Amino acid sequence: MTKIAIIGSQQSGRTALTSRLGKKGDVSDITMYDFAKSGIILTAIDATGYPKSIKPLLTALNLTDIALLCIPTTGPDAYTGECIVALDLLNYKHGIIVLTKSDTSHPYALEELKRKIKSVTAGTVLESWEDCISVSTTTFEGMEELKERIFSVGAKVDEEVAQLNDLPARVVVDHVFNVTGIGCVVLGIVQQGTIHTKDKMSMLPIDKPIEIRSIQMHDADVKSATAGSRVGLAIKNIQAKDVERGYVISNEEIVATDFTLNCSLSRFAKPIAVGDTLHLFVGLQSAPVHVEKIVICGGADADRAAPGSEYVVITLSGSKKVAYRETDRFILANLDEKQRFVGYGLV
């Protein structure tokens, strides 16, 4: 199963592109599109609530394995830059830069734009991505090549994800609702491990014991689902009103409100200081946090940390419970700034 995030500014052509890649499904601040044919299964997610909010952008990226960064022929803008920062902070390994609306530009101009983008993305994780591809959703030029590239990268991702099947099971919830006669139903991604019907697990961070009553994949009942699968789960012992997007079905999470993170700060962000209020994102969860302490490289306490700083230990306090694992990457953001992403950290 191939899962892709379609990201970019509002004028990037991302929504038109996503609509050409599947049938429209669930709509919220993200919009799901599904495609299934001849054994090929594709889920595409348009971060429709971005750039008004960065949460849909991070949600789309955390639910997928491949990103398509859409850039129109007019070139990158500030939100393109913010998407590049987010991808770099997440260490997002697989993606394709898509030059949209190619029918509105001359081929020489497109080649010049490709050179400009290569310069802009130098030194970021995007350097290792697939080369830029030009497409038009009007003439359909480049669309077949794009699909071929998506499925080629998807095959590599499938090999990587298969190695996660034997890890402890973990499902991240992205939608929840009540079904008459069934009860609580959640939609989500099996991030790792394998789940089975009748499995007894916990809904976190609320630490509620639950049981998986049934599993559906693409409207078909199944007995189990492996890492990378998008699933619908009927859940016993919990009500839909008690579950939120971002909750985790697992037996091995850490739950906390306060965090001490080893951080690397974006060189494009403004300095952060003790006393600042930031927003913390991990997976699909988010919480406001207060900067209590900063320790810079060498072990000295500091009042602030400069953009581009590495090996900065930041102590954060909050009031909202968050479920995580020690391998999770935390993203820090300042929602009051023009470029909102501050950096990333590990516990």
C-alpha atoms as a PDB file:
ATOM      1  CA  MET A   1       0.000   0.000   0.000  1.00  0.00           C
ATOM      2  CA  THR A   2       1.381   3.397  -1.026  1.00  0.00           C
ATOM      3  CA  LYS A   3       0.549   6.449   1.098  1.00  0.00           C
ATOM      4  CA  ILE A   4       1.466   9.909  -0.163  1.00  0.00           C
ATOM      5  CA  ALA A   5       1.103  13.437   1.216  1.00  0.00           C
ATOM      6  CA  ILE A   6       0.428  16.216  -1.296  1.00  0.00           C
ATOM      7  CA  ILE A   7       1.773  19.453   0.162  1.00  0.00           C
ATOM      8  CA  GLY A   8       2.554  23.033  -0.873  1.00  0.00           C
ATOM      9  CA  SER A   9       0.992  26.474  -0.760  1.00  0.00           C
ATOM     10  CA  GLN A  10      -2.666  27.077  -1.587  1.00  0.00           C
ATOM     11  CA  GLN A  11      -1.731  28.197  -5.110  1.00  0.00           C
ATOM     12  CA  SER A  12       0.601  25.259  -5.721  1.00  0.00           C
ATOM     13  CA  GLY A  13      -1.922  23.125  -7.597  1.00  0.00           C
ATOM     14  CA  ARG A  14      -1.773  20.421  -4.934  1.00  0.00           C
ATOM     15  CA  THR A  15      -5.569  19.914  -4.678  1.00  0.00           C
ATOM     16  CA  ALA A  16      -6.030  19.562  -8.445  1.00  0.00           C
ATOM     17  CA  LEU A  17      -3.162  17.069  -8.522  1.00  0.00           C
ATOM     18  CA  THR A  18      -4.521  15.023  -5.612  1.00  0.00           C
ATOM     19  CA  SER A  19      -7.955  14.812  -7.242  1.00  0.00           C
ATOM     20  CA  ARG A  20      -6.289  13.160 -10.266  1.00  0.00           C
ATOM     21  CA  LEU A  21      -4.755  10.445  -8.095  1.00  0.00           C
ATOM     22  CA  GLY A  22      -7.836   8.905  -6.499  1.00  0.00           C
ATOM     23  CA  LYS A  23     -11.456   9.081  -5.409  1.00  0.00           C
ATOM     24  CA  LYS A  24     -12.289  11.688  -2.776  1.00  0.00           C
ATOM     25  CA  GLY A  25     -13.025  10.267   0.669  1.00  0.00           C
ATOM     26  CA  ASP A  26     -12.900  11.662   4.213  1.00  0.00           C
ATOM     27  CA  VAL A  27     -12.777  15.457   4.386  1.00  0.00           C
ATOM     28  CA  SER A  28     -11.639  17.544   7.358  1.00  0.00           C
ATOM     29  CA  ASP A  29      -8.539  19.727   7.619  1.00  0.00           C
ATOM     30  CA  ILE A  30      -7.000  16.938   5.544  1.00  0.00           C
ATOM     31  CA  THR A  31      -8.701  15.303   2.570  1.00  0.00           C
ATOM     32  CA  MET A  32      -8.240  11.634   1.727  1.00  0.00           C
ATOM     33  CA  TYR A  33      -8.231  10.234  -1.814  1.00  0.00           C
ATOM     34  CA  ASP A  34      -8.167   6.491  -2.520  1.00  0.00           C
ATOM     35  CA  PHE A  35      -7.186   4.497  -5.592  1.00  0.00           C
ATOM     36  CA  ALA A  36      -7.299   0.711  -5.992  1.00  0.00           C
ATOM     37  CA  LYS A  37      -6.777  -1.183  -9.244  1.00  0.00           C
ATOM     38  CA  SER A  38      -5.122  -4.451 -10.251  1.00  0.00           C
ATOM     39  CA  GLY A  39      -3.701  -4.989  -6.783  1.00  0.00           C
ATOM     40  CA  ILE A  40      -2.303  -1.443  -6.584  1.00  0.00           C
ATOM     41  CA  ILE A  41      -3.568   0.522  -3.583  1.00  0.00           C
ATOM     42  CA  LEU A  42      -2.875   4.222  -3.162  1.00  0.00           C
ATOM     43  CA  THR A  43      -3.974   6.672  -0.469  1.00  0.00           C
ATOM     44  CA  ALA A  44      -3.267  10.344  -1.144  1.00  0.00           C
ATOM     45  CA  ILE A  45      -3.707  13.039   1.501  1.00  0.00           C
ATOM     46  CA  ASP A  46      -4.145  16.722   0.677  1.00  0.00           C
ATOM     47  CA  ALA A  47      -3.220  18.949   3.648  1.00  0.00           C
ATOM     48  CA  THR A  48      -6.207  21.187   2.875  1.00  0.00           C
ATOM     49  CA  GLY A  49      -6.020  23.141   6.152  1.00  0.00           C
ATOM     50  CA  TYR A  50      -2.484  24.343   5.399  1.00  0.00           C
ATOM     51  CA  PRO A  51      -1.126  27.048   5.356  1.00  0.00           C
ATOM     52  CA  LYS A  52      -3.723  28.526   7.714  1.00  0.00           C
ATOM     53  CA  SER A  53      -2.570  25.949  10.262  1.00  0.00           C
ATOM     54  CA  ILE A  54       0.575  23.821  10.302  1.00  0.00           C
ATOM     55  CA  LYS A  55      -1.198  20.934  12.020  1.00  0.00           C
ATOM     56  CA  PRO A  56      -2.752  19.518   8.794  1.00  0.00           C
ATOM     57  CA  LEU A  57       0.685  19.612   7.158  1.00  0.00           C
ATOM     58  CA  LEU A  58       2.254  17.584   9.969  1.00  0.00           C
ATOM     59  CA  THR A  59      -0.756  15.253  10.078  1.00  0.00           C
ATOM     60  CA  ALA A  60      -0.469  14.477   6.359  1.00  0.00           C
ATOM     61  CA  LEU A  61       3.281  13.874   6.615  1.00  0.00           C
ATOM     62  CA  ASN A  62       2.988  11.643   9.689  1.00  0.00           C
ATOM     63  CA  LEU A  63       0.311   9.476   8.048  1.00  0.00           C
ATOM     64  CA  THR A  64       2.308   8.851   4.873  1.00  0.00           C
ATOM     65  CA  ASP A  65       5.600   7.515   3.567  1.00  0.00           C
ATOM     66  CA  ILE A  66       6.081   9.630   0.434  1.00  0.00           C
ATOM     67  CA  ALA A  67       5.616  13.390  -0.003  1.00  0.00           C
ATOM     68  CA  LEU A  68       4.887  15.275  -3.200  1.00  0.00           C
ATOM     69  CA  LEU A  69       5.993  18.890  -2.754  1.00  0.00           C
ATOM     70  CA  CYS A  70       4.018  20.904  -5.295  1.00  0.00           C
ATOM     71  CA  ILE A  71       5.584  24.057  -6.710  1.00  0.00           C
ATOM     72  CA  PRO A  72       3.851  26.070  -9.468  1.00  0.00           C
ATOM     73  CA  THR A  73       5.710  27.491 -12.452  1.00  0.00           C
ATOM     74  CA  THR A  74       5.702  30.917 -10.739  1.00  0.00           C
ATOM     75  CA  GLY A  75       8.262  29.448  -8.343  1.00  0.00           C
ATOM     76  CA  PRO A  76       8.558  28.743  -4.616  1.00  0.00           C
ATOM     77  CA  ASP A  77       7.055  31.123  -2.061  1.00  0.00           C
ATOM     78  CA  ALA A  78       7.320  31.490   1.724  1.00  0.00           C
ATOM     79  CA  TYR A  79       5.031  28.509   2.330  1.00  0.00           C
ATOM     80  CA  THR A  80       7.117  26.353   0.010  1.00  0.00           C
ATOM     81  CA  GLY A  81      10.052  27.261   2.233  1.00  0.00           C
ATOM     82  CA  GLU A  82       8.094  26.360   5.350  1.00  0.00           C
ATOM     83  CA  CYS A  83       7.208  22.957   3.845  1.00  0.00           C
ATOM     84  CA  ILE A  84      10.894  22.355   3.084  1.00  0.00           C
ATOM     85  CA  VAL A  85      11.810  23.210   6.698  1.00  0.00           C
ATOM     86  CA  ALA A  86       9.132  20.810   7.997  1.00  0.00           C
ATOM     87  CA  LEU A  87      10.311  17.980   5.744  1.00  0.00           C
ATOM     88  CA  ASP A  88      13.909  18.532   6.823  1.00  0.00           C
ATOM     89  CA  LEU A  89      13.061  18.587  10.539  1.00  0.00           C
ATOM     90  CA  LEU A  90      11.077  15.352  10.138  1.00  0.00           C
ATOM     91  CA  ASN A  91      13.969  13.790   8.181  1.00  0.00           C
ATOM     92  CA  TYR A  92      11.386  12.833   5.560  1.00  0.00           C
ATOM     93  CA  LYS A  93      13.322  10.395   3.386  1.00  0.00           C
ATOM     94  CA  HIS A  94      11.091   9.744   0.393  1.00  0.00           C
ATOM     95  CA  GLY A  95       9.566  12.316  -1.896  1.00  0.00           C
ATOM     96  CA  ILE A  96       9.240  13.941  -5.288  1.00  0.00           C
ATOM     97  CA  ILE A  97       9.226  17.644  -6.137  1.00  0.00           C
ATOM     98  CA  VAL A  98       6.393  18.243  -8.597  1.00  0.00           C
ATOM     99  CA  LEU A  99       6.357  21.333 -10.824  1.00  0.00           C
ATOM    100  CA  THR A 100       2.634  21.864 -11.385  1.00  0.00           C
ATOM    101  CA  LYS A 101       0.818  23.788 -14.121  1.00  0.00           C
ATOM    102  CA  SER A 102       3.643  22.960 -16.542  1.00  0.00           C
ATOM    103  CA  ASP A 103       1.407  23.798 -19.506  1.00  0.00           C
ATOM    104  CA  THR A 104       1.586  27.482 -18.518  1.00  0.00           C
ATOM    105  CA  SER A 105       5.368  27.738 -18.845  1.00  0.00           C
ATOM    106  CA  HIS A 106       8.098  27.355 -21.465  1.00  0.00           C
ATOM    107  CA  PRO A 107      10.397  24.290 -21.146  1.00  0.00           C
ATOM    108  CA  TYR A 108      13.460  26.542 -20.754  1.00  0.00           C
ATOM    109  CA  ALA A 109      11.775  28.334 -17.853  1.00  0.00           C
ATOM    110  CA  LEU A 110      11.004  24.989 -16.232  1.00  0.00           C
ATOM    111  CA  GLU A 111      14.650  23.935 -16.452  1.00  0.00           C
ATOM    112  CA  GLU A 112      15.711  27.218 -14.850  1.00  0.00           C
ATOM    113  CA  LEU A 113      13.147  26.671 -12.075  1.00  0.00           C
ATOM    114  CA  LYS A 114      14.539  23.173 -11.457  1.00  0.00           C
ATOM    115  CA  ARG A 115      18.028  24.641 -11.023  1.00  0.00           C
ATOM    116  CA  LYS A 116      16.676  27.236  -8.585  1.00  0.00           C
ATOM    117  CA  ILE A 117      14.893  24.558  -6.527  1.00  0.00           C
ATOM    118  CA  LYS A 118      18.038  22.427  -6.435  1.00  0.00           C
ATOM    119  CA  SER A 119      19.875  25.411  -4.951  1.00  0.00           C
ATOM    120  CA  VAL A 120      17.100  26.115  -2.411  1.00  0.00           C
ATOM    121  CA  THR A 121      16.983  22.500  -1.190  1.00  0.00           C
ATOM    122  CA  ALA A 122      20.775  22.070  -0.957  1.00  0.00           C
ATOM    123  CA  GLY A 123      21.801  20.832   2.465  1.00  0.00           C
ATOM    124  CA  THR A 124      18.339  19.496   3.307  1.00  0.00           C
ATOM    125  CA  VAL A 125      16.871  15.998   3.258  1.00  0.00           C
ATOM    126  CA  LEU A 126      15.309  16.857  -0.119  1.00  0.00           C
ATOM    127  CA  GLU A 127      18.750  16.531  -1.741  1.00  0.00           C
ATOM    128  CA  SER A 128      18.296  12.748  -1.753  1.00  0.00           C
ATOM    129  CA  TRP A 129      14.791  12.842  -3.232  1.00  0.00           C
ATOM    130  CA  GLU A 130      13.759  11.904  -6.749  1.00  0.00           C
ATOM    131  CA  ASP A 131      14.469  14.535  -9.409  1.00  0.00           C
ATOM    132  CA  CYS A 132      11.822  17.177 -10.129  1.00  0.00           C
ATOM    133  CA  ILE A 133       9.040  16.196 -12.491  1.00  0.00           C
ATOM    134  CA  SER A 134       6.802  18.583 -14.457  1.00  0.00           C
ATOM    135  CA  VAL A 135       3.079  17.824 -14.717  1.00  0.00           C
ATOM    136  CA  SER A 136      -0.138  19.412 -15.892  1.00  0.00           C
ATOM    137  CA  THR A 137      -3.516  18.419 -14.493  1.00  0.00           C
ATOM    138  CA  THR A 138      -5.125  20.134 -17.491  1.00  0.00           C
ATOM    139  CA  THR A 139      -3.313  18.416 -20.370  1.00  0.00           C
ATOM    140  CA  PHE A 140      -2.228  15.435 -18.187  1.00  0.00           C
ATOM    141  CA  GLU A 141       1.339  15.849 -19.437  1.00  0.00           C
ATOM    142  CA  GLY A 142       3.722  14.090 -17.052  1.00  0.00           C
ATOM    143  CA  MET A 143       0.963  12.399 -15.020  1.00  0.00           C
ATOM    144  CA  GLU A 144       1.777   8.848 -16.115  1.00  0.00           C
ATOM    145  CA  GLU A 145       5.471   9.379 -15.409  1.00  0.00           C
ATOM    146  CA  LEU A 146       4.600  10.770 -11.986  1.00  0.00           C
ATOM    147  CA  LYS A 147       2.470   7.725 -11.165  1.00  0.00           C
ATOM    148  CA  GLU A 148       5.271   5.405 -12.253  1.00  0.00           C
ATOM    149  CA  ARG A 149       7.698   7.229  -9.963  1.00  0.00           C
ATOM    150  CA  ILE A 150       5.253   7.125  -7.055  1.00  0.00           C
ATOM    151  CA  PHE A 151       4.846   3.355  -7.338  1.00  0.00           C
ATOM    152  CA  SER A 152       8.590   2.869  -7.830  1.00  0.00           C
ATOM    153  CA  VAL A 153       9.331   4.746  -4.601  1.00  0.00           C
ATOM    154  CA  GLY A 154       6.394   2.942  -2.985  1.00  0.00           C
ATOM    155  CA  ALA A 155       8.030  -0.424  -3.681  1.00  0.00           C
ATOM    156  CA  LYS A 156      11.147   0.722  -1.796  1.00  0.00           C
ATOM    157  CA  VAL A 157       9.011   1.955   1.090  1.00  0.00           C
ATOM    158  CA  ASP A 158       7.144  -1.375   1.252  1.00  0.00           C
ATOM    159  CA  GLU A 159      10.453  -3.180   1.764  1.00  0.00           C
ATOM    160  CA  GLU A 160      11.369  -0.823   4.618  1.00  0.00           C
ATOM    161  CA  VAL A 161       7.948  -1.046   6.278  1.00  0.00           C
ATOM    162  CA  ALA A 162       7.931  -4.868   6.115  1.00  0.00           C
ATOM    163  CA  GLN A 163      10.859  -4.842   8.536  1.00  0.00           C
ATOM    164  CA  LEU A 164       8.567  -3.267  11.172  1.00  0.00           C
ATOM    165  CA  ASN A 165       6.055  -6.132  11.271  1.00  0.00           C
ATOM    166  CA  ASP A 166       7.658  -7.909  14.220  1.00  0.00           C
ATOM    167  CA  LEU A 167       7.885  -4.834  16.463  1.00  0.00           C
ATOM    168  CA  PRO A 168       5.312  -4.162  19.205  1.00  0.00           C
ATOM    169  CA  ALA A 169       2.044  -3.104  17.579  1.00  0.00           C
ATOM    170  CA  ARG A 170       1.160   0.580  17.344  1.00  0.00           C
ATOM    171  CA  VAL A 171      -1.797   2.205  15.578  1.00  0.00           C
ATOM    172  CA  VAL A 172      -2.149   5.976  15.194  1.00  0.00           C
ATOM    173  CA  VAL A 173      -5.764   7.202  15.029  1.00  0.00           C
ATOM    174  CA  ASP A 174      -6.699   9.880  12.476  1.00  0.00           C
ATOM    175  CA  HIS A 175     -10.522   9.694  12.473  1.00  0.00           C
ATOM    176  CA  VAL A 176     -13.096   8.442  14.988  1.00  0.00           C
ATOM    177  CA  PHE A 177     -16.880   8.105  14.888  1.00  0.00           C
ATOM    178  CA  ASN A 178     -19.780   6.109  16.295  1.00  0.00           C
ATOM    179  CA  VAL A 179     -21.613   3.467  14.230  1.00  0.00           C
ATOM    180  CA  THR A 180     -25.072   2.376  15.374  1.00  0.00           C
ATOM    181  CA  GLY A 181     -25.014  -1.229  16.511  1.00  0.00           C
ATOM    182  CA  ILE A 182     -21.210  -1.367  16.468  1.00  0.00           C
ATOM    183  CA  GLY A 183     -20.044   1.491  18.664  1.00  0.00           C
ATOM    184  CA  CYS A 184     -16.686   3.204  18.458  1.00  0.00           C
ATOM    185  CA  VAL A 185     -14.897   2.944  15.110  1.00  0.00           C
ATOM    186  CA  VAL A 186     -11.493   4.461  14.450  1.00  0.00           C
ATOM    187  CA  LEU A 187      -9.528   4.902  11.239  1.00  0.00           C
ATOM    188  CA  GLY A 188      -5.771   4.942  11.337  1.00  0.00           C
ATOM    189  CA  ILE A 189      -2.399   3.635  10.257  1.00  0.00           C
ATOM    190  CA  VAL A 190      -0.582   0.620  11.680  1.00  0.00           C
ATOM    191  CA  GLN A 191       2.771   2.327  12.195  1.00  0.00           C
ATOM    192  CA  GLN A 192       4.540  -0.826  13.293  1.00  0.00           C
ATOM    193  CA  GLY A 193       3.847  -4.394  14.341  1.00  0.00           C
ATOM    194  CA  THR A 194       0.866  -6.566  13.457  1.00  0.00           C
ATOM    195  CA  ILE A 195      -2.611  -6.268  14.963  1.00  0.00           C
ATOM    196  CA  HIS A 196      -5.260  -8.990  15.188  1.00  0.00           C
ATOM    197  CA  THR A 197      -8.918  -9.188  16.048  1.00  0.00           C
ATOM    198  CA  LYS A 198      -9.443  -9.818  19.774  1.00  0.00           C
ATOM    199  CA  ASP A 199      -6.118  -8.104  20.632  1.00  0.00           C
ATOM    200  CA  LYS A 200      -6.279  -6.397  24.012  1.00  0.00           C
ATOM    201  CA  MET A 201      -4.430  -3.092  23.982  1.00  0.00           C
ATOM    202  CA  SER A 202      -4.675   0.421  25.440  1.00  0.00           C
ATOM    203  CA  MET A 203      -5.925   3.717  24.071  1.00  0.00           C
ATOM    204  CA  LEU A 204      -3.304   6.321  24.959  1.00  0.00           C
ATOM    205  CA  PRO A 205      -2.647   8.876  26.372  1.00  0.00           C
ATOM    206  CA  ILE A 206      -5.917   8.335  28.284  1.00  0.00           C
ATOM    207  CA  ASP A 207      -4.712   4.849  29.327  1.00  0.00           C
ATOM    208  CA  LYS A 208      -8.024   3.117  28.597  1.00  0.00           C
ATOM    209  CA  PRO A 209      -7.947  -0.695  28.097  1.00  0.00           C
ATOM    210  CA  ILE A 210      -9.633  -1.654  24.812  1.00  0.00           C
ATOM    211  CA  GLU A 211     -10.167  -4.678  22.599  1.00  0.00           C
ATOM    212  CA  ILE A 212     -10.098  -4.767  18.801  1.00  0.00           C
ATOM    213  CA  ARG A 213     -13.497  -6.193  17.854  1.00  0.00           C
ATOM    214  CA  SER A 214     -12.946  -6.240  14.082  1.00  0.00           C
ATOM    215  CA  ILE A 215     -10.569  -4.965  11.412  1.00  0.00           C
ATOM    216  CA  GLN A 216     -11.431  -3.661   7.959  1.00  0.00           C
ATOM    217  CA  MET A 217      -9.126  -2.784   5.091  1.00  0.00           C
ATOM    218  CA  HIS A 218     -10.647  -1.205   1.961  1.00  0.00           C
ATOM    219  CA  ASP A 219     -14.161  -2.199   3.094  1.00  0.00           C
ATOM    220  CA  ALA A 220     -13.224  -5.876   3.525  1.00  0.00           C
ATOM    221  CA  ASP A 221     -13.075  -7.672   6.886  1.00  0.00           C
ATOM    222  CA  VAL A 222      -9.669  -9.117   7.757  1.00  0.00           C
ATOM    223  CA  LYS A 223      -8.298 -10.970  10.766  1.00  0.00           C
ATOM    224  CA  SER A 224      -5.010  -9.068  10.984  1.00  0.00           C
ATOM    225  CA  ALA A 225      -3.138  -6.070   9.574  1.00  0.00           C
ATOM    226  CA  THR A 226       0.589  -5.478   9.264  1.00  0.00           C
ATOM    227  CA  ALA A 227       2.756  -2.346   9.437  1.00  0.00           C
ATOM    228  CA  GLY A 228       1.855   0.309   6.884  1.00  0.00           C
ATOM    229  CA  SER A 229      -1.787  -0.755   6.592  1.00  0.00           C
ATOM    230  CA  ARG A 230      -4.602   1.784   6.707  1.00  0.00           C
ATOM    231  CA  VAL A 231      -7.328   0.212   8.819  1.00  0.00           C
ATOM    232  CA  GLY A 232     -10.782   0.718  10.222  1.00  0.00           C
ATOM    233  CA  LEU A 233     -11.131  -0.776  13.692  1.00  0.00           C
ATOM    234  CA  ALA A 234     -14.257  -1.453  15.707  1.00  0.00           C
ATOM    235  CA  ILE A 235     -13.215  -0.969  19.330  1.00  0.00           C
ATOM    236  CA  LYS A 236     -14.759  -2.418  22.486  1.00  0.00           C
ATOM    237  CA  ASN A 237     -14.773  -0.819  25.963  1.00  0.00           C
ATOM    238  CA  ILE A 238     -14.541   2.806  24.826  1.00  0.00           C
ATOM    239  CA  GLN A 239     -16.828   5.482  23.404  1.00  0.00           C
ATOM    240  CA  ALA A 240     -16.103   7.566  20.324  1.00  0.00           C
ATOM    241  CA  LYS A 241     -16.469  10.803  22.296  1.00  0.00           C
ATOM    242  CA  ASP A 242     -13.472   9.798  24.428  1.00  0.00           C
ATOM    243  CA  VAL A 243     -11.093   9.385  21.470  1.00  0.00           C
ATOM    244  CA  GLU A 244      -9.284  12.134  19.550  1.00  0.00           C
ATOM    245  CA  ARG A 245      -7.162  12.273  16.438  1.00  0.00           C
ATOM    246  CA  GLY A 246      -3.594  11.466  17.374  1.00  0.00           C
ATOM    247  CA  TYR A 247      -4.446   8.957  20.076  1.00  0.00           C
ATOM    248  CA  VAL A 248      -2.344   5.813  19.942  1.00  0.00           C
ATOM    249  CA  ILE A 249      -3.447   2.191  20.279  1.00  0.00           C
ATOM    250  CA  SER A 250      -0.499   0.422  21.869  1.00  0.00           C
ATOM    251  CA  ASN A 251       0.805  -1.335  24.944  1.00  0.00           C
ATOM    252  CA  GLU A 252       4.231   0.310  25.115  1.00  0.00           C
ATOM    253  CA  GLU A 253       3.910   4.115  25.130  1.00  0.00           C
ATOM    254  CA  ILE A 254       5.283   6.669  27.567  1.00  0.00           C
ATOM    255  CA  VAL A 255       2.758   9.280  28.697  1.00  0.00           C
ATOM    256  CA  ALA A 256       3.917  12.658  29.973  1.00  0.00           C
ATOM    257  CA  THR A 257       3.151  16.379  30.092  1.00  0.00           C
ATOM    258  CA  ASP A 258       6.749  17.582  30.631  1.00  0.00           C
ATOM    259  CA  PHE A 259       9.733  16.846  28.382  1.00  0.00           C
ATOM    260  CA  THR A 260      13.481  17.263  28.223  1.00  0.00           C
ATOM    261  CA  LEU A 261      14.598  17.174  24.593  1.00  0.00           C
ATOM    262  CA  ASN A 262      17.951  17.122  22.838  1.00  0.00           C
ATOM    263  CA  CYS A 263      17.206  19.608  20.083  1.00  0.00           C
ATOM    264  CA  SER A 264      18.513  20.870  16.784  1.00  0.00           C
ATOM    265  CA  LEU A 265      17.079  24.261  15.821  1.00  0.00           C
ATOM    266  CA  SER A 266      16.272  25.383  12.301  1.00  0.00           C
ATOM    267  CA  ARG A 267      18.580  28.024  10.900  1.00  0.00           C
ATOM    268  CA  PHE A 268      15.495  29.700   9.426  1.00  0.00           C
ATOM    269  CA  ALA A 269      13.755  30.185  12.797  1.00  0.00           C
ATOM    270  CA  LYS A 270      14.044  33.030  15.272  1.00  0.00           C
ATOM    271  CA  PRO A 271      15.888  32.487  18.595  1.00  0.00           C
ATOM    272  CA  ILE A 272      13.978  30.803  21.412  1.00  0.00           C
ATOM    273  CA  ALA A 273      14.264  31.920  25.027  1.00  0.00           C
ATOM    274  CA  VAL A 274      13.413  30.738  28.516  1.00  0.00           C
ATOM    275  CA  GLY A 275       9.827  31.778  29.149  1.00  0.00           C
ATOM    276  CA  ASP A 276       8.679  31.327  25.534  1.00  0.00           C
ATOM    277  CA  THR A 277       5.487  29.428  24.794  1.00  0.00           C
ATOM    278  CA  LEU A 278       5.923  26.969  21.933  1.00  0.00           C
ATOM    279  CA  HIS A 279       3.802  24.261  20.388  1.00  0.00           C
ATOM    280  CA  LEU A 280       5.019  20.664  20.517  1.00  0.00           C
ATOM    281  CA  PHE A 281       3.999  18.118  17.869  1.00  0.00           C
ATOM    282  CA  VAL A 282       4.682  14.382  18.017  1.00  0.00           C
ATOM    283  CA  GLY A 283       2.909  12.112  15.555  1.00  0.00           C
ATOM    284  CA  LEU A 284      -0.612  13.529  15.237  1.00  0.00           C
ATOM    285  CA  GLN A 285      -0.627  14.903  18.780  1.00  0.00           C
ATOM    286  CA  SER A 286       0.085  18.492  19.747  1.00  0.00           C
ATOM    287  CA  ALA A 287       0.305  20.481  22.958  1.00  0.00           C
ATOM    288  CA  PRO A 288       1.328  23.976  24.090  1.00  0.00           C
ATOM    289  CA  VAL A 289       4.491  23.936  26.197  1.00  0.00           C
ATOM    290  CA  HIS A 290       6.510  26.464  28.178  1.00  0.00           C
ATOM    291  CA  VAL A 291      10.308  26.710  27.859  1.00  0.00           C
ATOM    292  CA  GLU A 292      11.629  26.243  31.405  1.00  0.00           C
ATOM    293  CA  LYS A 293      15.353  25.762  30.802  1.00  0.00           C
ATOM    294  CA  ILE A 294      17.920  25.857  28.004  1.00  0.00           C
ATOM    295  CA  VAL A 295      21.318  24.168  28.179  1.00  0.00           C
ATOM    296  CA  ILE A 296      23.623  24.827  25.233  1.00  0.00           C
ATOM    297  CA  CYS A 297      26.442  22.657  23.917  1.00  0.00           C
ATOM    298  CA  GLY A 298      29.077  22.327  26.645  1.00  0.00           C
ATOM    299  CA  GLY A 299      26.588  22.115  29.498  1.00  0.00           C
ATOM    300  CA  ALA A 300      26.097  25.815  30.260  1.00  0.00           C
ATOM    301  CA  ASP A 301      22.680  27.223  31.138  1.00  0.00           C
ATOM    302  CA  ALA A 302      21.510  29.914  28.722  1.00  0.00           C
ATOM    303  CA  ASP A 303      18.690  32.415  28.470  1.00  0.00           C
ATOM    304  CA  ARG A 304      18.218  31.721  24.769  1.00  0.00           C
ATOM    305  CA  ALA A 305      19.296  29.487  21.876  1.00  0.00           C
ATOM    306  CA  ALA A 306      20.231  30.831  18.464  1.00  0.00           C
ATOM    307  CA  PRO A 307      18.869  29.615  15.100  1.00  0.00           C
ATOM    308  CA  GLY A 308      20.859  26.702  13.712  1.00  0.00           C
ATOM    309  CA  SER A 309      22.033  25.586  17.177  1.00  0.00           C
ATOM    310  CA  GLU A 310      22.600  21.856  17.679  1.00  0.00           C
ATOM    311  CA  TYR A 311      22.834  19.667  20.778  1.00  0.00           C
ATOM    312  CA  VAL A 312      20.660  22.085  22.762  1.00  0.00           C
ATOM    313  CA  VAL A 313      18.861  20.537  25.751  1.00  0.00           C
ATOM    314  CA  ILE A 314      15.493  22.182  26.283  1.00  0.00           C
ATOM    315  CA  THR A 315      13.203  21.484  29.241  1.00  0.00           C
ATOM    316  CA  LEU A 316       9.504  21.999  28.480  1.00  0.00           C
ATOM    317  CA  SER A 317       6.464  21.950  30.744  1.00  0.00           C
ATOM    318  CA  GLY A 318       2.861  21.504  29.678  1.00  0.00           C
ATOM    319  CA  SER A 319      -0.547  20.481  30.940  1.00  0.00           C
ATOM    320  CA  LYS A 320      -1.734  18.137  28.176  1.00  0.00           C
ATOM    321  CA  LYS A 321      -0.811  14.442  28.231  1.00  0.00           C
ATOM    322  CA  VAL A 322       1.081  13.143  25.210  1.00  0.00           C
ATOM    323  CA  ALA A 323       1.867   9.505  24.338  1.00  0.00           C
ATOM    324  CA  TYR A 324       5.204   8.774  22.706  1.00  0.00           C
ATOM    325  CA  ARG A 325       8.113   6.394  22.330  1.00  0.00           C
ATOM    326  CA  GLU A 326      11.764   7.275  22.827  1.00  0.00           C
ATOM    327  CA  THR A 327      12.398   6.939  19.091  1.00  0.00           C
ATOM    328  CA  ASP A 328       9.744   9.553  18.234  1.00  0.00           C
ATOM    329  CA  ARG A 329      10.826  12.868  16.760  1.00  0.00           C
ATOM    330  CA  PHE A 330       9.275  15.917  18.427  1.00  0.00           C
ATOM    331  CA  ILE A 331       8.701  19.041  16.327  1.00  0.00           C
ATOM    332  CA  LEU A 332       8.712  22.447  18.006  1.00  0.00           C
ATOM    333  CA  ALA A 333       6.897  25.433  16.516  1.00  0.00           C
ATOM    334  CA  ASN A 334       6.182  29.057  17.308  1.00  0.00           C
ATOM    335  CA  LEU A 335       2.725  29.705  15.892  1.00  0.00           C
ATOM    336  CA  ASP A 336       3.143  33.485  16.125  1.00  0.00           C
ATOM    337  CA  GLU A 337       6.045  33.654  13.664  1.00  0.00           C
ATOM    338  CA  LYS A 338       5.899  33.837   9.864  1.00  0.00           C
ATOM    339  CA  GLN A 339       8.110  30.749   9.519  1.00  0.00           C
ATOM    340  CA  ARG A 340       6.575  28.670  12.284  1.00  0.00           C
ATOM    341  CA  PHE A 341       8.875  25.657  12.614  1.00  0.00           C
ATOM    342  CA  VAL A 342      11.560  26.067  15.306  1.00  0.00           C
ATOM    343  CA  GLY A 343      13.361  22.717  15.384  1.00  0.00           C
ATOM    344  CA  TYR A 344      13.158  19.080  16.337  1.00  0.00           C
ATOM    345  CA  GLY A 345      14.112  17.115  19.408  1.00  0.00           C
ATOM    346  CA  LEU A 346      14.472  13.597  20.805  1.00  0.00           C
ATOM    347  CA  VAL A 347      13.816  12.618  24.396  1.00  0.00           C
END
